[in-house]
Protein backbone atom coordinates (compact mmCIF):
# COMPACT_ATOMS: atom_id res chain seq x y z
CA MET A 1 87.61 23.92 91.76
CA LYS A 2 90.12 26.76 91.28
CA GLN A 3 88.19 28.02 88.25
CA HIS A 4 84.92 28.06 90.19
CA PHE A 5 86.57 30.01 93.04
CA ALA A 6 88.16 32.50 90.62
CA LYS A 7 84.84 33.04 88.83
CA ALA A 8 82.99 33.57 92.13
CA LEU A 9 85.67 36.00 93.31
CA THR A 10 85.52 37.95 90.04
CA GLN A 11 81.73 38.19 90.24
CA SER A 12 81.88 39.34 93.87
CA LEU A 13 84.45 42.02 93.08
CA THR A 14 82.42 43.21 90.09
CA ILE A 15 79.30 43.54 92.24
CA LEU A 16 81.24 45.33 94.99
CA ILE A 17 82.84 47.80 92.57
CA SER A 18 79.50 48.39 90.85
CA ALA A 19 77.93 49.23 94.19
CA ILE A 20 80.73 51.46 95.52
CA LEU A 21 81.79 53.36 92.40
CA PRO A 22 78.59 55.46 92.02
CA VAL A 23 78.80 56.47 95.69
CA LEU A 24 82.43 57.51 95.35
CA VAL A 25 81.78 59.50 92.19
CA ALA A 26 78.74 61.23 93.73
CA GLY A 27 80.75 62.06 96.86
CA CYS A 28 83.41 63.79 94.78
CA GLY A 29 80.91 66.33 93.56
CA GLY A 30 80.55 67.06 89.93
CA PRO A 31 82.46 69.18 87.49
CA ASP A 32 80.56 72.21 88.83
CA GLU A 33 81.62 71.69 92.47
CA PHE A 34 84.37 74.08 93.49
CA ARG A 35 87.08 73.20 95.96
CA HIS A 36 89.94 75.46 96.95
CA LEU A 37 93.33 73.96 96.27
CA VAL A 38 95.00 73.15 99.57
CA TYR A 39 98.68 72.79 100.32
CA PRO A 40 100.26 70.72 103.10
CA SER A 41 100.89 73.02 106.05
CA GLY A 42 101.91 72.50 109.63
CA GLY A 43 104.39 73.37 112.29
CA VAL A 44 105.03 73.51 116.01
CA VAL A 45 103.88 75.66 118.95
CA THR A 46 106.19 76.27 121.90
CA LYS A 47 106.06 78.32 125.09
CA ALA A 48 109.29 79.13 126.93
CA GLY A 49 111.04 76.53 124.77
CA THR A 50 108.59 73.78 125.73
CA PRO A 51 106.16 72.18 123.25
CA VAL A 52 102.53 73.17 123.83
CA ALA A 53 100.31 70.09 123.74
CA ASN A 54 96.56 70.09 123.02
CA ALA A 55 96.43 73.71 121.85
CA THR A 56 93.96 74.69 119.14
CA VAL A 57 95.64 76.51 116.25
CA ILE A 58 93.34 78.53 113.97
CA PHE A 59 94.47 80.25 110.76
CA HIS A 60 92.30 83.32 110.05
CA PRO A 61 92.67 84.50 106.44
CA VAL A 62 93.68 88.16 106.09
CA ASP A 63 91.51 88.24 102.96
CA PRO A 64 88.20 86.40 103.60
CA LYS A 65 88.06 85.48 99.90
CA THR A 66 90.86 83.02 100.60
CA ILE A 67 88.29 80.54 101.95
CA GLN A 68 85.02 81.80 100.41
CA LEU A 69 83.36 80.16 97.45
CA PRO A 70 83.69 82.25 94.29
CA VAL A 71 80.45 83.93 93.18
CA GLY A 72 78.34 81.55 91.14
CA LYS A 73 80.23 78.44 92.25
CA LYS A 74 78.80 75.56 94.24
CA GLY A 75 80.87 73.56 96.64
CA ILE A 76 81.75 72.87 100.21
CA GLU A 77 81.81 75.92 102.50
CA ILE A 78 85.02 75.66 104.46
CA ALA A 79 85.84 76.91 107.92
CA LYS A 80 89.09 78.55 108.89
CA PRO A 81 91.92 75.99 108.71
CA THR A 82 92.13 74.59 112.24
CA THR A 83 94.01 71.88 114.07
CA THR A 84 95.16 70.72 117.49
CA THR A 85 98.76 70.26 118.56
CA ASP A 86 100.01 66.83 119.57
CA LYS A 87 102.06 66.04 122.69
CA ASP A 88 105.17 67.45 120.98
CA GLY A 89 103.44 70.73 120.06
CA LYS A 90 103.32 69.72 116.39
CA PHE A 91 100.34 70.28 114.11
CA ASP A 92 99.12 69.69 110.57
CA LEU A 93 96.35 71.90 109.18
CA SER A 94 93.08 70.45 107.95
CA THR A 95 90.57 71.96 105.53
CA TYR A 96 88.55 69.27 103.73
CA LEU A 97 90.24 66.14 105.06
CA ALA A 98 92.45 65.47 108.07
CA LYS A 99 95.92 66.93 107.56
CA ASP A 100 95.28 67.93 103.93
CA GLY A 101 96.59 71.48 104.39
CA ALA A 102 95.08 74.89 103.71
CA PRO A 103 94.42 77.26 100.81
CA ALA A 104 97.28 79.53 99.75
CA GLY A 105 97.17 82.99 101.30
CA GLU A 106 98.15 85.18 104.21
CA TYR A 107 96.82 84.35 107.66
CA LYS A 108 96.74 85.71 111.19
CA VAL A 109 97.09 82.84 113.61
CA ILE A 110 95.60 82.38 117.04
CA VAL A 111 96.55 79.70 119.55
CA LEU A 112 94.02 78.67 122.17
CA LEU A 113 95.44 76.78 125.10
CA SER A 114 93.52 73.75 126.34
CA THR A 115 92.45 75.80 129.39
CA ASP A 116 90.80 78.51 127.25
CA LYS A 117 87.02 78.37 126.79
CA ILE A 118 85.34 79.66 123.68
CA SER A 119 81.69 80.32 122.95
CA GLN A 120 80.24 77.86 120.47
CA LYS A 121 78.01 80.63 119.18
CA THR A 122 80.59 83.36 118.52
CA GLY A 123 83.98 81.69 118.70
CA GLU A 124 85.03 84.35 121.25
CA LEU A 125 86.97 83.57 124.39
CA VAL A 126 84.83 83.71 127.50
CA THR A 127 85.58 84.31 131.16
CA VAL A 128 84.51 81.91 133.88
CA ASP A 129 81.94 84.48 135.08
CA ASP A 130 80.44 84.76 131.60
CA GLU A 131 80.31 80.98 131.25
CA GLU A 132 78.46 80.70 134.57
CA LYS A 133 75.95 83.32 133.40
CA ALA A 134 75.51 81.59 130.04
CA PRO A 135 76.47 77.94 130.34
CA HIS A 136 74.62 77.10 127.14
CA SER A 137 75.63 80.21 125.18
CA SER A 138 72.11 81.56 124.74
CA VAL A 139 71.53 84.30 122.17
CA GLN A 140 71.10 87.06 124.80
CA ALA A 141 74.07 85.97 126.90
CA THR A 142 76.34 85.33 123.92
CA SER A 143 76.22 88.97 122.89
CA ALA A 144 77.41 89.91 126.39
CA LEU A 145 80.37 87.54 126.43
CA THR A 146 83.76 89.16 126.79
CA LYS A 147 87.23 88.02 125.95
CA SER A 148 89.04 86.23 128.72
CA LYS A 149 90.96 88.59 130.99
CA SER A 150 93.60 85.90 131.41
CA ALA A 151 93.97 85.21 127.68
CA ASN A 152 97.39 85.64 126.19
CA LYS A 153 97.76 87.99 123.25
CA PHE A 154 98.08 85.04 120.89
CA SER A 155 94.58 83.76 121.65
CA VAL A 156 92.78 86.89 120.43
CA LEU A 157 92.61 87.77 116.73
CA GLU A 158 92.96 91.52 117.35
CA THR A 159 96.15 91.15 119.44
CA THR A 160 97.94 88.16 117.98
CA THR A 161 101.24 88.83 116.28
CA LEU A 162 101.44 85.35 114.79
CA GLN A 163 101.28 85.34 111.00
CA ALA A 164 101.75 82.79 108.27
CA THR A 165 101.77 82.75 104.49
CA ILE A 166 100.81 79.49 102.85
CA LYS A 167 102.34 79.14 99.42
CA PRO A 168 101.46 76.77 96.59
CA THR A 169 105.09 75.74 96.26
CA GLY A 170 107.76 75.01 98.81
CA GLU A 171 107.49 74.00 102.43
CA ASN A 172 104.72 75.49 104.58
CA SER A 173 106.15 74.79 108.02
CA PHE A 174 105.69 77.31 110.82
CA ALA A 175 107.23 77.66 114.29
CA PHE A 176 105.09 79.71 116.67
CA THR A 177 106.40 80.79 120.05
CA ILE A 178 103.88 82.12 122.54
CA ASP A 179 104.79 84.06 125.71
């Protein structure tokens, strides 16, 4: 009886592995698929000494090549490393997988509070008036959207003073304080 069970289990596992392995290998891309190396990166966001929960943290590369595919390479186009803070203001950056980190390089960092609204089309902050005029971010209205008048300087790329350098070695932990 034990031998019959062991044989059935071995056959089942063989079939399962045979079915899953090609999918896993195909999902990994081939030798020609390029992926940026990413390094664990995270930190904390505070305001007046208090952790900022549910804020969106976006790392904008100073050099766009940091996240672009090299010429002639195929692979996954990546967005700017982005994450959301937890209840303690802590965050871990994600690029390809949750909390996998970000490519090495220099970044300007913006922090969007949970009350900030951004246009899905442009990624720009919008005012309540603009949102009422363009609730669905139409092409015509999107070009007229303006940055929020109430936005703090850390939520706008041109005014943020938050910076980070992600290195391939060492700890990539950042503490951002917003006013």
